[in-house]
Amino acid sequence: MSRILLAVLALLALPLSAKAQDPFYKGKDVRILIGAGVGGTYSLYAQLAARHMRQYIPGNPNLVMQSMPGAGGLVGLNYSFNVAPKDGTLMHLVHAEVLYESILNKDAKFNAQDYQWIGRFADADSITLMTKKSGVTSLDDAKKRDVSLGATGVGNIFALAPLLLNRLQQTKFKIIGGYPGASDISIAMERGELDGAGMTMANAVTTQGQKLKSGELVPLFAIAAKRLPDYPNVPAMTEFGGGVEKTLMEIYASTGTIGRALAFPPGTPPERVAIMREAFAKTLADPAFQEEVRKANILISPMSGPDLSAEIARIMKTPAADIAAARALHEELMKNN
């Protein structure tokens, strides 16, 4: 039995309350918030949800994507957690950094455990890619000169992982932050303004697949807990360092666990959470949905809302002393960024 089929069966094992018709959604608009610009994988999966979930929600509300980029996703997180309506009319395709920000950022005004997780479309294991014209094909090359990497914010995983490698491997990565979204970074790479950038495997496959095949883009290191199956010769960042550095890298790698997942803000009525979880499960099993992701080569590695909640809780149980040491190192990296 395939991994996706098993995941769909798990998603469909929901409380009977989810099967009750809820007239609340009839005639309403439901926003799907993304904390990034249009053109990257956040918008890709949000648009998939908007196209396919509506038919499985009692009342058939309109699903409308809303983009709220800024500060590497923090603007959207602060909005959904603290300001957005908590009546079931806003879902958030939550930024993958929500978990490590909850652990490491003492000033975070959100907590990954408190979101009401609906389900995950795909994980977000990531890879740093260099342009062929940069001439950087290994970490040793990145020790010889300054290497510019683009990022939407200086506090996200694509900025912090290279900075940690600078500390551990004496590489010379320089982070250029502030790009609105992944598509803007890709354009800057094409223009030669950047040597490279980190991106999720979903983004790499769906938007950069041809360039990877042609050699125009060169994988340098994986931002993941272990080496990626498609790139077994590319080192994972967790292979370097030990002690507090390894703990921090593992927390950074938790972005892959969150991936591209839908959630309600805390306080959303449980019966509406159950309705959306069922709609999400039925969407994954929908033939039209499956055909679209197959034709577009969109990565799908689903996880149910309850399972994702349990995994987040497990990661957040990292011993307090280890978290304190990792947070101190994280703050040092942020300060020097």
Protein backbone atom coordinates (compact mmCIF):
# COMPACT_ATOMS: atom_id res chain seq x y z
CA MET A 1 0.00 0.00 0.00
CA SER A 2 1.47 3.36 -1.00
CA ARG A 3 2.53 6.01 1.49
CA ILE A 4 0.02 8.50 0.03
CA LEU A 5 -2.87 5.98 0.23
CA LEU A 6 -2.01 5.20 3.85
CA ALA A 7 -1.94 8.91 4.64
CA VAL A 8 -5.32 9.45 2.96
CA LEU A 9 -6.86 6.58 4.93
CA ALA A 10 -5.51 8.08 8.15
CA LEU A 11 -6.89 11.48 7.22
CA LEU A 12 -10.34 9.99 6.59
CA ALA A 13 -10.43 8.39 10.07
CA LEU A 14 -12.09 11.45 11.61
CA PRO A 15 -14.74 11.97 14.29
CA LEU A 16 -18.35 11.56 13.22
CA SER A 17 -18.94 15.22 14.10
CA ALA A 18 -16.96 16.14 11.00
CA LYS A 19 -19.62 14.49 8.84
CA ALA A 20 -22.42 16.72 10.04
CA GLN A 21 -23.58 19.41 7.65
CA ASP A 22 -22.64 22.86 8.89
CA PRO A 23 -24.61 25.69 7.25
CA PHE A 24 -22.10 28.18 8.64
CA TYR A 25 -20.07 28.18 5.41
CA LYS A 26 -22.95 28.69 2.98
CA GLY A 27 -22.52 31.96 1.07
CA LYS A 28 -19.26 32.83 2.85
CA ASP A 29 -15.75 33.57 1.63
CA VAL A 30 -12.90 31.66 3.27
CA ARG A 31 -9.45 33.19 2.89
CA ILE A 32 -6.36 31.05 2.48
CA LEU A 33 -3.53 33.20 3.82
CA ILE A 34 0.07 32.88 2.70
CA GLY A 35 2.90 34.87 4.25
CA ALA A 36 4.81 35.05 0.97
CA GLY A 37 4.55 36.60 -2.46
CA VAL A 38 2.73 34.98 -5.35
CA GLY A 39 4.81 32.67 -7.52
CA GLY A 40 6.41 30.30 -5.00
CA THR A 41 5.24 27.04 -3.51
CA TYR A 42 3.12 28.67 -0.79
CA SER A 43 0.89 30.15 -3.47
CA LEU A 44 1.09 26.91 -5.47
CA TYR A 45 -0.39 24.79 -2.68
CA ALA A 46 -2.83 27.52 -1.58
CA GLN A 47 -4.22 27.67 -5.11
CA LEU A 48 -4.50 23.87 -5.17
CA ALA A 49 -6.56 24.05 -1.98
CA ALA A 50 -8.72 26.87 -3.38
CA ARG A 51 -9.47 24.90 -6.55
CA HIS A 52 -10.19 21.51 -5.04
CA MET A 53 -11.36 21.78 -1.40
CA ARG A 54 -14.49 23.88 -1.93
CA GLN A 55 -16.63 21.01 -3.18
CA TYR A 56 -16.00 19.03 0.01
CA ILE A 57 -16.90 21.81 2.46
CA PRO A 58 -20.60 21.87 3.47
CA GLY A 59 -22.10 25.06 2.10
CA ASN A 60 -19.45 25.29 -0.68
CA PRO A 61 -17.88 28.61 0.37
CA ASN A 62 -15.65 30.60 -1.96
CA LEU A 63 -11.97 29.93 -1.23
CA VAL A 64 -9.76 32.93 -1.96
CA MET A 65 -5.99 33.13 -1.56
CA GLN A 66 -4.59 36.18 0.24
CA SER A 67 -0.89 37.06 0.06
CA MET A 68 0.66 38.86 3.04
CA PRO A 69 4.45 38.78 2.53
CA GLY A 70 6.95 40.30 4.91
CA ALA A 71 9.83 39.46 7.26
CA GLY A 72 10.22 35.93 5.94
CA GLY A 73 6.66 34.94 6.83
CA LEU A 74 6.51 36.56 10.29
CA VAL A 75 3.99 39.20 9.20
CA GLY A 76 1.54 36.51 8.15
CA LEU A 77 2.15 34.43 11.28
CA ASN A 78 1.55 37.37 13.60
CA TYR A 79 -1.63 38.23 11.71
CA SER A 80 -3.13 34.76 11.65
CA PHE A 81 -2.30 33.99 15.28
CA ASN A 82 -3.26 37.32 16.86
CA VAL A 83 -5.53 39.32 14.55
CA ALA A 84 -7.33 37.07 12.07
CA PRO A 85 -10.91 35.91 12.71
CA LYS A 86 -11.13 32.67 14.62
CA ASP A 87 -14.51 31.60 13.27
CA GLY A 88 -13.28 29.29 10.52
CA THR A 89 -13.23 31.88 7.72
CA LEU A 90 -9.43 32.09 7.54
CA MET A 91 -7.03 29.24 6.96
CA HIS A 92 -3.29 29.82 6.89
CA LEU A 93 -0.86 27.89 4.71
CA VAL A 94 1.53 28.42 7.57
CA HIS A 95 5.14 29.41 6.98
CA ALA A 96 7.41 26.44 7.61
CA GLU A 97 9.53 28.43 10.06
CA VAL A 98 6.67 28.62 12.57
CA LEU A 99 8.06 25.71 14.60
CA TYR A 100 11.65 26.84 14.95
CA GLU A 101 10.53 30.43 15.57
CA SER A 102 8.28 29.17 18.35
CA ILE A 103 11.24 27.38 19.93
CA LEU A 104 14.04 29.88 19.38
CA ASN A 105 12.45 33.32 19.24
CA LYS A 106 11.67 34.53 22.75
CA ASP A 107 9.72 37.46 21.29
CA ALA A 108 7.53 35.30 19.03
CA LYS A 109 3.87 36.21 19.38
CA PHE A 110 2.70 32.81 18.16
CA ASN A 111 3.18 29.18 19.09
CA ALA A 112 3.17 26.31 16.60
CA GLN A 113 1.43 24.02 19.09
CA ASP A 114 -1.58 26.31 19.38
CA TYR A 115 -2.52 26.36 15.71
CA GLN A 116 -5.36 24.03 14.75
CA TRP A 117 -3.64 21.92 12.10
CA ILE A 118 -5.83 20.83 9.18
CA GLY A 119 -3.29 18.85 7.17
CA ARG A 120 -0.04 18.98 5.22
CA PHE A 121 0.22 18.76 1.45
CA ALA A 122 3.99 18.26 1.33
CA ASP A 123 7.09 18.36 3.49
CA ALA A 124 9.61 21.15 2.98
CA ASP A 125 13.01 19.54 3.02
CA SER A 126 15.17 22.05 1.25
CA ILE A 127 18.30 22.39 -0.82
CA THR A 128 20.68 25.22 -1.60
CA LEU A 129 21.26 25.66 -5.32
CA MET A 130 24.02 27.59 -7.04
CA THR A 131 23.95 28.96 -10.57
CA LYS A 132 26.39 27.31 -12.97
CA LYS A 133 27.93 30.68 -13.81
CA SER A 134 28.79 31.25 -10.13
CA GLY A 135 31.42 28.50 -10.41
CA VAL A 136 30.53 27.25 -6.93
CA THR A 137 30.01 23.49 -6.99
CA SER A 138 31.13 22.46 -3.49
CA LEU A 139 31.47 23.80 0.04
CA ASP A 140 35.21 24.03 -0.57
CA ASP A 141 34.48 26.50 -3.40
CA ALA A 142 32.38 28.53 -0.97
CA LYS A 143 35.43 28.91 1.29
CA LYS A 144 37.46 30.69 -1.40
CA ARG A 145 35.34 33.80 -1.97
CA ASP A 146 32.18 35.58 -0.84
CA VAL A 147 29.12 33.74 -2.14
CA SER A 148 25.81 35.64 -2.29
CA LEU A 149 22.58 33.84 -1.39
CA GLY A 150 19.11 35.36 -1.68
CA ALA A 151 16.42 35.11 1.00
CA THR A 152 13.05 36.65 1.75
CA GLY A 153 14.17 37.47 5.29
CA VAL A 154 17.45 37.35 7.18
CA GLY A 155 15.81 35.31 9.94
CA ASN A 156 14.54 32.40 7.88
CA ILE A 157 16.08 29.00 7.38
CA PHE A 158 17.57 29.85 3.98
CA ALA A 159 19.61 32.62 5.60
CA LEU A 160 20.47 31.02 8.93
CA ALA A 161 21.60 27.58 7.73
CA PRO A 162 24.38 29.04 5.52
CA LEU A 163 25.48 31.34 8.35
CA LEU A 164 25.79 28.36 10.66
CA LEU A 165 27.91 26.62 8.01
CA ASN A 166 30.13 29.72 7.92
CA ARG A 167 30.81 29.07 11.60
CA LEU A 168 31.37 25.33 11.22
CA GLN A 169 33.01 25.04 7.81
CA GLN A 170 34.58 28.48 7.28
CA THR A 171 32.45 29.07 4.21
CA LYS A 172 31.88 32.67 3.07
CA PHE A 173 28.16 32.87 2.44
CA LYS A 174 26.70 36.38 2.36
CA ILE A 175 22.93 36.68 2.77
CA ILE A 176 21.00 39.18 0.66
CA GLY A 177 17.58 39.41 2.30
CA GLY A 178 14.39 41.29 1.61
CA TYR A 179 13.16 39.62 -1.58
CA PRO A 180 9.33 39.47 -1.65
CA GLY A 181 9.17 35.85 -2.75
CA ALA A 182 10.85 32.86 -4.36
CA SER A 183 10.11 34.03 -7.90
CA ASP A 184 11.94 37.31 -7.25
CA ILE A 185 14.97 35.41 -6.00
CA SER A 186 14.93 33.20 -9.09
CA ILE A 187 14.90 36.28 -11.33
CA ALA A 188 17.85 37.76 -9.42
CA MET A 189 19.78 34.50 -9.90
CA GLU A 190 19.06 34.56 -13.64
CA ARG A 191 20.33 38.14 -13.84
CA GLY A 192 23.53 37.24 -12.04
CA GLU A 193 22.70 39.39 -9.02
CA LEU A 194 22.89 36.30 -6.78
CA ASP A 195 25.14 33.25 -6.81
CA GLY A 196 22.39 31.05 -5.46
CA ALA A 197 19.64 30.49 -2.92
CA GLY A 198 18.01 27.89 -0.74
CA MET A 199 14.59 26.57 -1.66
CA THR A 200 12.31 23.70 -0.82
CA MET A 201 12.52 20.55 -2.88
CA ALA A 202 8.92 21.22 -3.94
CA ASN A 203 10.00 24.58 -5.34
CA ALA A 204 13.15 23.13 -6.88
CA VAL A 205 11.26 20.36 -8.66
CA THR A 206 8.23 22.36 -9.82
CA THR A 207 9.87 25.66 -10.81
CA GLN A 208 13.54 24.79 -11.38
CA GLY A 209 13.34 21.21 -12.60
CA GLN A 210 14.63 21.85 -16.13
CA LYS A 211 17.54 23.95 -14.90
CA LEU A 212 18.52 21.21 -12.46
CA LYS A 213 18.43 18.61 -15.24
CA SER A 214 20.45 20.80 -17.60
CA GLY A 215 23.08 21.67 -14.99
CA GLU A 216 22.23 25.38 -14.96
CA LEU A 217 21.63 24.97 -11.23
CA VAL A 218 23.99 22.95 -9.02
CA PRO A 219 22.93 21.42 -5.63
CA LEU A 220 25.34 22.43 -2.84
CA PHE A 221 23.90 21.26 0.49
CA ALA A 222 20.58 20.05 1.86
CA ILE A 223 18.69 21.85 4.61
CA ALA A 224 17.25 18.66 6.03
CA ALA A 225 17.69 16.16 8.84
CA LYS A 226 19.43 13.76 6.45
CA ARG A 227 20.56 13.51 2.84
CA LEU A 228 17.80 13.79 0.27
CA PRO A 229 16.97 10.57 -1.63
CA ASP A 230 17.23 12.35 -5.01
CA TYR A 231 20.65 13.80 -4.13
CA PRO A 232 22.55 11.18 -2.10
CA ASN A 233 25.92 12.82 -2.85
CA VAL A 234 24.86 16.24 -1.55
CA PRO A 235 25.67 16.70 2.17
CA ALA A 236 22.95 17.59 4.67
CA MET A 237 23.68 20.44 7.06
CA THR A 238 23.08 18.17 10.06
CA GLU A 239 26.27 16.26 9.15
CA PHE A 240 28.42 19.11 10.42
CA GLY A 241 29.22 20.05 13.99
CA GLY A 242 28.07 18.56 17.26
CA GLY A 243 26.54 19.55 20.57
CA VAL A 244 24.67 22.84 20.45
CA GLU A 245 25.36 23.33 16.74
CA LYS A 246 23.81 19.96 15.92
CA THR A 247 20.79 20.70 18.13
CA LEU A 248 20.28 24.01 16.36
CA MET A 249 20.62 22.43 12.94
CA GLU A 250 18.03 19.80 13.85
CA ILE A 251 15.65 22.55 14.98
CA TYR A 252 16.25 24.40 11.73
CA ALA A 253 15.58 21.17 9.82
CA SER A 254 12.15 20.98 11.48
CA THR A 255 10.91 23.35 8.76
CA GLY A 256 10.67 20.22 6.63
CA THR A 257 8.18 18.72 9.08
CA ILE A 258 5.79 21.66 8.77
CA GLY A 259 6.23 21.84 5.03
CA ARG A 260 3.21 23.26 3.22
CA ALA A 261 0.43 22.76 5.76
CA LEU A 262 -2.96 24.34 6.36
CA ALA A 263 -4.03 25.46 9.82
CA PHE A 264 -6.70 27.46 11.55
CA PRO A 265 -5.79 30.10 14.16
CA PRO A 266 -6.08 28.99 17.78
CA GLY A 267 -9.60 29.20 19.15
CA THR A 268 -11.36 28.11 15.95
CA PRO A 269 -14.42 25.99 16.87
CA PRO A 270 -13.47 22.30 16.86
CA GLU A 271 -16.43 21.29 14.69
CA ARG A 272 -15.13 23.56 11.90
CA VAL A 273 -11.62 22.17 12.30
CA ALA A 274 -13.10 18.68 11.87
CA ILE A 275 -15.01 19.75 8.74
CA MET A 276 -11.88 21.16 7.11
CA ARG A 277 -9.81 18.11 8.04
CA GLU A 278 -12.34 15.90 6.30
CA ALA A 279 -12.46 18.23 3.28
CA PHE A 280 -8.66 18.12 3.12
CA ALA A 281 -8.62 14.31 3.23
CA LYS A 282 -11.23 14.05 0.50
CA THR A 283 -9.29 16.53 -1.63
CA LEU A 284 -6.17 14.36 -1.47
CA ALA A 285 -8.24 11.39 -2.68
CA ASP A 286 -9.99 13.37 -5.43
CA PRO A 287 -9.13 12.10 -8.94
CA ALA A 288 -9.04 15.62 -10.44
CA PHE A 289 -6.65 16.77 -7.72
CA GLN A 290 -4.41 13.75 -8.22
CA GLU A 291 -4.36 14.26 -11.99
CA GLU A 292 -3.39 17.92 -11.63
CA VAL A 293 -0.48 17.23 -9.29
CA ARG A 294 0.69 14.39 -11.54
CA LYS A 295 0.66 16.50 -14.70
CA ALA A 296 2.34 19.48 -13.01
CA ASN A 297 4.88 17.29 -11.18
CA ILE A 298 3.83 18.78 -7.84
CA LEU A 299 5.26 17.00 -4.80
CA ILE A 300 2.73 15.51 -2.40
CA SER A 301 3.77 13.95 0.93
CA PRO A 302 0.67 14.39 3.11
CA MET A 303 0.25 14.27 6.85
CA SER A 304 -3.01 14.55 8.77
CA GLY A 305 -3.66 17.46 11.11
CA PRO A 306 -3.60 15.29 14.26
CA ASP A 307 -0.38 13.57 13.19
CA LEU A 308 1.28 16.90 12.42
CA SER A 309 0.18 18.26 15.80
CA ALA A 310 1.73 15.24 17.51
CA GLU A 311 5.03 15.65 15.66
CA ILE A 312 5.20 19.35 16.56
CA ALA A 313 4.60 18.49 20.21
CA ARG A 314 7.41 15.93 20.09
CA ILE A 315 9.93 18.43 18.70
CA MET A 316 8.93 21.09 21.20
CA LYS A 317 9.78 18.67 24.02
CA THR A 318 13.50 19.17 23.35
CA PRO A 319 15.14 19.53 26.81
CA ALA A 320 15.07 23.08 28.16
CA ALA A 321 18.86 23.26 28.59
CA ASP A 322 19.41 22.24 24.98
CA ILE A 323 16.88 24.80 23.78
CA ALA A 324 18.52 27.54 25.84
CA ALA A 325 21.95 26.80 24.35
CA ALA A 326 20.55 26.56 20.82
CA ARG A 327 18.64 29.82 21.30
CA ALA A 328 21.82 31.61 22.39
CA LEU A 329 23.62 30.45 19.26
CA HIS A 330 20.63 31.34 17.11
CA GLU A 331 20.57 34.87 18.56
CA GLU A 332 24.30 35.20 17.89
CA LEU A 333 23.73 34.29 14.24
CA MET A 334 20.87 36.77 13.99
CA LYS A 335 22.98 39.51 15.54
CA ASN A 336 25.83 38.96 13.11
CA ASN A 337 23.57 38.64 10.07
